[in-house]
C-alpha atoms as a PDB file:
ATOM      1  CA  UNK A   1      -1.848  -1.680 -71.273  1.00  0.00           C
ATOM      2  CA  UNK A   2      -1.153  -4.827 -70.773  1.00  0.00           C
ATOM      3  CA  UNK A   3       1.964  -3.953 -68.924  1.00  0.00           C
ATOM      4  CA  UNK A   4      -0.027  -1.772 -66.560  1.00  0.00           C
ATOM      5  CA  UNK A   5      -2.191  -4.952 -65.604  1.00  0.00           C
ATOM      6  CA  UNK A   6       0.396  -6.715 -64.801  1.00  0.00           C
ATOM      7  CA  UNK A   7       2.087  -4.225 -62.588  1.00  0.00           C
ATOM      8  CA  UNK A   8      -0.876  -4.205 -60.759  1.00  0.00           C
ATOM      9  CA  UNK A   9      -1.439  -7.437 -60.512  1.00  0.00           C
ATOM     10  CA  UNK A  10       1.914  -8.235 -58.962  1.00  0.00           C
ATOM     11  CA  UNK A  11       1.048  -5.627 -56.355  1.00  0.00           C
ATOM     12  CA  UNK A  12      -2.253  -7.366 -55.745  1.00  0.00           C
ATOM     13  CA  UNK A  13      -0.498 -10.668 -55.283  1.00  0.00           C
ATOM     14  CA  UNK A  14       2.067  -9.264 -53.050  1.00  0.00           C
ATOM     15  CA  UNK A  15      -1.154  -7.823 -50.966  1.00  0.00           C
ATOM     16  CA  UNK A  16      -2.635 -11.279 -50.940  1.00  0.00           C
ATOM     17  CA  UNK A  17       0.476 -12.830 -50.132  1.00  0.00           C
ATOM     18  CA  UNK A  18       1.307 -10.135 -47.096  1.00  0.00           C
ATOM     19  CA  UNK A  19      -2.172 -10.444 -45.524  1.00  0.00           C
ATOM     20  CA  UNK A  20      -2.030 -14.368 -45.748  1.00  0.00           C
ATOM     21  CA  UNK A  21       1.598 -14.487 -43.621  1.00  0.00           C
ATOM     22  CA  UNK A  22      -0.150 -12.556 -41.461  1.00  0.00           C
ATOM     23  CA  UNK A  23      -3.216 -13.926 -40.945  1.00  0.00           C
ATOM     24  CA  UNK A  24      -1.077 -17.790 -40.883  1.00  0.00           C
ATOM     25  CA  UNK A  25       1.759 -15.973 -37.652  1.00  0.00           C
ATOM     26  CA  UNK A  26      -1.620 -14.653 -36.004  1.00  0.00           C
ATOM     27  CA  UNK A  27      -3.369 -17.923 -36.044  1.00  0.00           C
ATOM     28  CA  UNK A  28      -0.095 -19.987 -35.043  1.00  0.00           C
ATOM     29  CA  UNK A  29       0.619 -17.402 -32.318  1.00  0.00           C
ATOM     30  CA  UNK A  30      -3.406 -18.241 -31.170  1.00  0.00           C
ATOM     31  CA  UNK A  31      -2.478 -21.880 -31.514  1.00  0.00           C
ATOM     32  CA  UNK A  32       0.523 -21.473 -29.332  1.00  0.00           C
ATOM     33  CA  UNK A  33      -1.276 -19.819 -26.482  1.00  0.00           C
ATOM     34  CA  UNK A  34      -4.572 -21.710 -26.802  1.00  0.00           C
ATOM     35  CA  UNK A  35      -2.901 -24.936 -26.328  1.00  0.00           C
ATOM     36  CA  UNK A  36      -1.113 -23.988 -23.392  1.00  0.00           C
ATOM     37  CA  UNK A  37       2.561 -24.054 -24.584  1.00  0.00           C
ATOM     38  CA  UNK A  38       3.293 -21.151 -22.669  1.00  0.00           C
ATOM     39  CA  UNK A  39       5.418 -21.728 -19.127  1.00  0.00           C
ATOM     40  CA  UNK A  40       2.628 -20.633 -16.792  1.00  0.00           C
ATOM     41  CA  UNK A  41       3.431 -22.625 -14.000  1.00  0.00           C
ATOM     42  CA  UNK A  42       5.371 -21.377 -11.052  1.00  0.00           C
ATOM     43  CA  UNK A  43       7.660 -24.929 -11.555  1.00  0.00           C
ATOM     44  CA  UNK A  44       7.875 -24.173 -15.171  1.00  0.00           C
ATOM     45  CA  UNK A  45      11.459 -22.784 -16.973  1.00  0.00           C
ATOM     46  CA  UNK A  46      11.013 -19.189 -17.585  1.00  0.00           C
ATOM     47  CA  UNK A  47      10.122 -18.484 -21.059  1.00  0.00           C
ATOM     48  CA  UNK A  48      12.805 -17.596 -23.633  1.00  0.00           C
ATOM     49  CA  UNK A  49      13.962 -13.715 -22.658  1.00  0.00           C
ATOM     50  CA  UNK A  50      10.705 -13.183 -20.196  1.00  0.00           C
ATOM     51  CA  UNK A  51      13.106 -11.780 -17.362  1.00  0.00           C
ATOM     52  CA  UNK A  52      14.591  -9.231 -19.794  1.00  0.00           C
ATOM     53  CA  UNK A  53      11.313  -8.652 -21.321  1.00  0.00           C
ATOM     54  CA  UNK A  54       9.860  -7.638 -17.664  1.00  0.00           C
ATOM     55  CA  UNK A  55      12.726  -6.368 -16.205  1.00  0.00           C
ATOM     56  CA  UNK A  56      13.493  -3.511 -18.863  1.00  0.00           C
ATOM     57  CA  UNK A  57      10.573  -1.948 -18.886  1.00  0.00           C
ATOM     58  CA  UNK A  58       9.960  -2.197 -15.052  1.00  0.00           C
ATOM     59  CA  UNK A  59      13.577  -0.397 -14.499  1.00  0.00           C
ATOM     60  CA  UNK A  60      12.537   1.989 -17.307  1.00  0.00           C
ATOM     61  CA  UNK A  61       9.403   3.121 -15.278  1.00  0.00           C
ATOM     62  CA  UNK A  62      10.899   3.155 -11.932  1.00  0.00           C
ATOM     63  CA  UNK A  63      13.382   5.268 -12.780  1.00  0.00           C
ATOM     64  CA  UNK A  64      11.236   7.735 -14.777  1.00  0.00           C
ATOM     65  CA  UNK A  65       8.721   7.271 -11.789  1.00  0.00           C
ATOM     66  CA  UNK A  66      10.805   7.346  -8.492  1.00  0.00           C
ATOM     67  CA  UNK A  67      10.932   9.982  -5.794  1.00  0.00           C
ATOM     68  CA  UNK A  68      13.296  10.731  -2.765  1.00  0.00           C
ATOM     69  CA  UNK A  69      11.924  10.091   0.771  1.00  0.00           C
ATOM     70  CA  UNK A  70      10.353  12.972   2.492  1.00  0.00           C
ATOM     71  CA  UNK A  71      12.208  12.315   5.325  1.00  0.00           C
ATOM     72  CA  UNK A  72      15.097  10.878   7.012  1.00  0.00           C
ATOM     73  CA  UNK A  73      15.855   7.771   8.999  1.00  0.00           C
ATOM     74  CA  UNK A  74      15.295   7.658  12.849  1.00  0.00           C
ATOM     75  CA  UNK A  75      14.683   4.710  14.892  1.00  0.00           C
ATOM     76  CA  UNK A  76      10.972   5.712  15.723  1.00  0.00           C
ATOM     77  CA  UNK A  77      10.628   5.401  11.772  1.00  0.00           C
ATOM     78  CA  UNK A  78      12.328   2.168  11.814  1.00  0.00           C
ATOM     79  CA  UNK A  79      10.485   1.043  14.423  1.00  0.00           C
ATOM     80  CA  UNK A  80       6.871   1.876  12.711  1.00  0.00           C
ATOM     81  CA  UNK A  81       8.722   0.516   9.769  1.00  0.00           C
ATOM     82  CA  UNK A  82       9.428  -2.842  11.441  1.00  0.00           C
ATOM     83  CA  UNK A  83       6.091  -2.979  12.364  1.00  0.00           C
ATOM     84  CA  UNK A  84       4.314  -2.784   8.919  1.00  0.00           C
ATOM     85  CA  UNK A  85       6.886  -5.039   7.853  1.00  0.00           C
ATOM     86  CA  UNK A  86       6.070  -7.752  10.418  1.00  0.00           C
ATOM     87  CA  UNK A  87       2.673  -7.144   9.511  1.00  0.00           C
ATOM     88  CA  UNK A  88       2.860  -7.027   5.747  1.00  0.00           C
ATOM     89  CA  UNK A  89       5.962  -8.041   4.119  1.00  0.00           C
ATOM     90  CA  UNK A  90       7.497 -10.913   6.168  1.00  0.00           C
ATOM     91  CA  UNK A  91       5.141 -13.673   5.033  1.00  0.00           C
ATOM     92  CA  UNK A  92       6.639 -13.817   1.883  1.00  0.00           C
ATOM     93  CA  UNK A  93      10.113 -12.011   2.854  1.00  0.00           C
ATOM     94  CA  UNK A  94      11.295 -13.543   6.137  1.00  0.00           C
ATOM     95  CA  UNK A  95      12.608 -11.769   8.877  1.00  0.00           C
ATOM     96  CA  UNK A  96      16.258 -11.393   9.910  1.00  0.00           C
ATOM     97  CA  UNK A  97      17.395 -15.107  10.217  1.00  0.00           C
ATOM     98  CA  UNK A  98      14.112 -16.801   9.572  1.00  0.00           C
ATOM     99  CA  UNK A  99      13.526 -17.329   5.729  1.00  0.00           C
ATOM    100  CA  UNK A 100       9.924 -18.557   4.305  1.00  0.00           C
ATOM    101  CA  UNK A 101      10.353 -21.871   2.923  1.00  0.00           C
ATOM    102  CA  UNK A 102       7.554 -21.386  -0.015  1.00  0.00           C
ATOM    103  CA  UNK A 103       9.357 -18.072  -1.040  1.00  0.00           C
ATOM    104  CA  UNK A 104      11.848 -20.153  -3.256  1.00  0.00           C
ATOM    105  CA  UNK A 105       8.735 -21.885  -4.774  1.00  0.00           C
ATOM    106  CA  UNK A 106       7.164 -18.803  -6.165  1.00  0.00           C
ATOM    107  CA  UNK A 107       8.005 -17.392  -9.491  1.00  0.00           C
ATOM    108  CA  UNK A 108      10.016 -15.410  -9.868  1.00  0.00           C
ATOM    109  CA  UNK A 109      11.329 -16.480  -6.234  1.00  0.00           C
ATOM    110  CA  UNK A 110      10.289 -13.841  -3.368  1.00  0.00           C
ATOM    111  CA  UNK A 111      13.499 -12.287  -2.245  1.00  0.00           C
ATOM    112  CA  UNK A 112      14.538 -12.968   1.188  1.00  0.00           C
ATOM    113  CA  UNK A 113      15.035  -9.377   2.477  1.00  0.00           C
ATOM    114  CA  UNK A 114      17.077  -9.769   5.425  1.00  0.00           C
ATOM    115  CA  UNK A 115      19.920 -12.099   3.363  1.00  0.00           C
ATOM    116  CA  UNK A 116      22.546 -11.788   1.559  1.00  0.00           C
ATOM    117  CA  UNK A 117      21.968 -12.560  -2.360  1.00  0.00           C
ATOM    118  CA  UNK A 118      24.039 -12.337  -5.461  1.00  0.00           C
ATOM    119  CA  UNK A 119      27.567 -12.001  -6.620  1.00  0.00           C
ATOM    120  CA  UNK A 120      28.090  -8.726  -4.548  1.00  0.00           C
ATOM    121  CA  UNK A 121      26.444 -10.257  -1.018  1.00  0.00           C
ATOM    122  CA  UNK A 122      24.120  -7.597  -0.993  1.00  0.00           C
ATOM    123  CA  UNK A 123      21.449  -7.654   1.769  1.00  0.00           C
ATOM    124  CA  UNK A 124      17.965  -7.915   0.447  1.00  0.00           C
ATOM    125  CA  UNK A 125      17.205  -4.409  -1.031  1.00  0.00           C
ATOM    126  CA  UNK A 126      19.865  -2.694   0.328  1.00  0.00           C
ATOM    127  CA  UNK A 127      21.599  -1.377  -2.257  1.00  0.00           C
ATOM    128  CA  UNK A 128      18.524   0.083  -3.914  1.00  0.00           C
ATOM    129  CA  UNK A 129      17.669   3.883  -3.725  1.00  0.00           C
ATOM    130  CA  UNK A 130      14.878   3.885  -0.850  1.00  0.00           C
ATOM    131  CA  UNK A 131      12.802   5.551  -3.850  1.00  0.00           C
ATOM    132  CA  UNK A 132      13.007   2.047  -6.080  1.00  0.00           C
ATOM    133  CA  UNK A 133      11.913   0.210  -2.965  1.00  0.00           C
ATOM    134  CA  UNK A 134       8.754   2.877  -2.384  1.00  0.00           C
ATOM    135  CA  UNK A 135       7.568   2.604  -5.707  1.00  0.00           C
ATOM    136  CA  UNK A 136       7.682  -1.582  -5.801  1.00  0.00           C
ATOM    137  CA  UNK A 137       5.687  -1.303  -2.437  1.00  0.00           C
ATOM    138  CA  UNK A 138       3.487   1.426  -3.948  1.00  0.00           C
ATOM    139  CA  UNK A 139       2.371  -0.109  -7.355  1.00  0.00           C
ATOM    140  CA  UNK A 140       3.346  -3.353  -6.801  1.00  0.00           C
ATOM    141  CA  UNK A 141       5.222  -5.591  -9.770  1.00  0.00           C
ATOM    142  CA  UNK A 142       2.820  -6.959 -12.226  1.00  0.00           C
ATOM    143  CA  UNK A 143       3.031 -10.924 -12.566  1.00  0.00           C
ATOM    144  CA  UNK A 144       5.263 -11.707  -9.614  1.00  0.00           C
ATOM    145  CA  UNK A 145       3.054 -11.930  -6.973  1.00  0.00           C
ATOM    146  CA  UNK A 146       4.642  -8.707  -5.363  1.00  0.00           C
ATOM    147  CA  UNK A 147       0.786  -6.743  -4.671  1.00  0.00           C
ATOM    148  CA  UNK A 148       0.799  -2.680  -4.543  1.00  0.00           C
ATOM    149  CA  UNK A 149       0.111  -1.532  -1.001  1.00  0.00           C
ATOM    150  CA  UNK A 150      -0.969   2.528  -2.359  1.00  0.00           C
ATOM    151  CA  UNK A 151      -4.538   1.615  -0.974  1.00  0.00           C
ATOM    152  CA  UNK A 152      -3.481  -0.166   1.965  1.00  0.00           C
ATOM    153  CA  UNK A 153      -0.682   2.016   3.697  1.00  0.00           C
ATOM    154  CA  UNK A 154       0.041   5.265   3.822  1.00  0.00           C
ATOM    155  CA  UNK A 155       2.729   7.210   1.964  1.00  0.00           C
ATOM    156  CA  UNK A 156       4.344   7.699   5.388  1.00  0.00           C
ATOM    157  CA  UNK A 157       4.049   3.650   6.388  1.00  0.00           C
ATOM    158  CA  UNK A 158       5.711   2.735   2.558  1.00  0.00           C
ATOM    159  CA  UNK A 159       8.322   5.324   3.131  1.00  0.00           C
ATOM    160  CA  UNK A 160       8.848   3.656   6.837  1.00  0.00           C
ATOM    161  CA  UNK A 161       9.520   0.234   5.460  1.00  0.00           C
ATOM    162  CA  UNK A 162      11.282   1.603   2.357  1.00  0.00           C
ATOM    163  CA  UNK A 163      14.076   3.105   4.615  1.00  0.00           C
ATOM    164  CA  UNK A 164      14.027   0.154   6.975  1.00  0.00           C
ATOM    165  CA  UNK A 165      15.110  -2.385   3.976  1.00  0.00           C
ATOM    166  CA  UNK A 166      17.735   0.281   2.841  1.00  0.00           C
ATOM    167  CA  UNK A 167      19.231  -0.393   5.887  1.00  0.00           C
ATOM    168  CA  UNK A 168      18.962  -4.248   6.031  1.00  0.00           C
ATOM    169  CA  UNK A 169      22.482  -4.617   5.729  1.00  0.00           C
ATOM    170  CA  UNK A 170      23.188  -2.110   8.465  1.00  0.00           C
ATOM    171  CA  UNK A 171      23.165  -2.941  12.585  1.00  0.00           C
ATOM    172  CA  UNK A 172      19.225  -1.810  13.669  1.00  0.00           C
ATOM    173  CA  UNK A 173      18.310  -0.360  16.928  1.00  0.00           C
ATOM    174  CA  UNK A 174      17.555  -3.128  19.131  1.00  0.00           C
ATOM    175  CA  UNK A 175      13.858  -2.526  19.603  1.00  0.00           C
ATOM    176  CA  UNK A 176      13.660  -2.927  16.053  1.00  0.00           C
ATOM    177  CA  UNK A 177      15.560  -6.124  15.748  1.00  0.00           C
ATOM    178  CA  UNK A 178      12.991  -7.378  18.940  1.00  0.00           C
ATOM    179  CA  UNK A 179      10.323  -6.017  16.870  1.00  0.00           C
ATOM    180  CA  UNK A 180      11.355  -8.192  13.599  1.00  0.00           C
ATOM    181  CA  UNK A 181      12.494 -11.692  15.319  1.00  0.00           C
ATOM    182  CA  UNK A 182       9.362 -11.644  17.362  1.00  0.00           C
ATOM    183  CA  UNK A 183       7.071 -14.597  16.799  1.00  0.00           C
END
């Protein structure tokens, strides 16, 4: 009988130690968050693995929910997309030849969508499928400053902007470049 009590007592001590360990970890986590040690200012260095932690579920969700354009590209569609882009996107993402100065101080930096970037020299998001850009326009991206436009723009308008941006690395018709470069 004494042996059975010891076995039960060992489990009780283990359980108590486990619960106390969880409480200590929870209290330490709360203290870390409460006392402001996390990088929350746009000028702070990114949190350890922050980009990977956000990017992985974002890419998976976009891949799962991405749609195909319901129509193709056309000059009229590009012109409509250019008007929408100029009104709703250019203030953060710039226009051809005109970057937005404050964008580089946002976290993450608001990409200038008419400029080459990265190792491959891709212009804006022209290497993304239009369905990916559409998803980002429609849903926005948490903690980036990218708002959701699904309640502001129609599906057609969001597709027009997405198809325009997919062609940002190509020569666009003169009326489109005039719309985008107008003050």
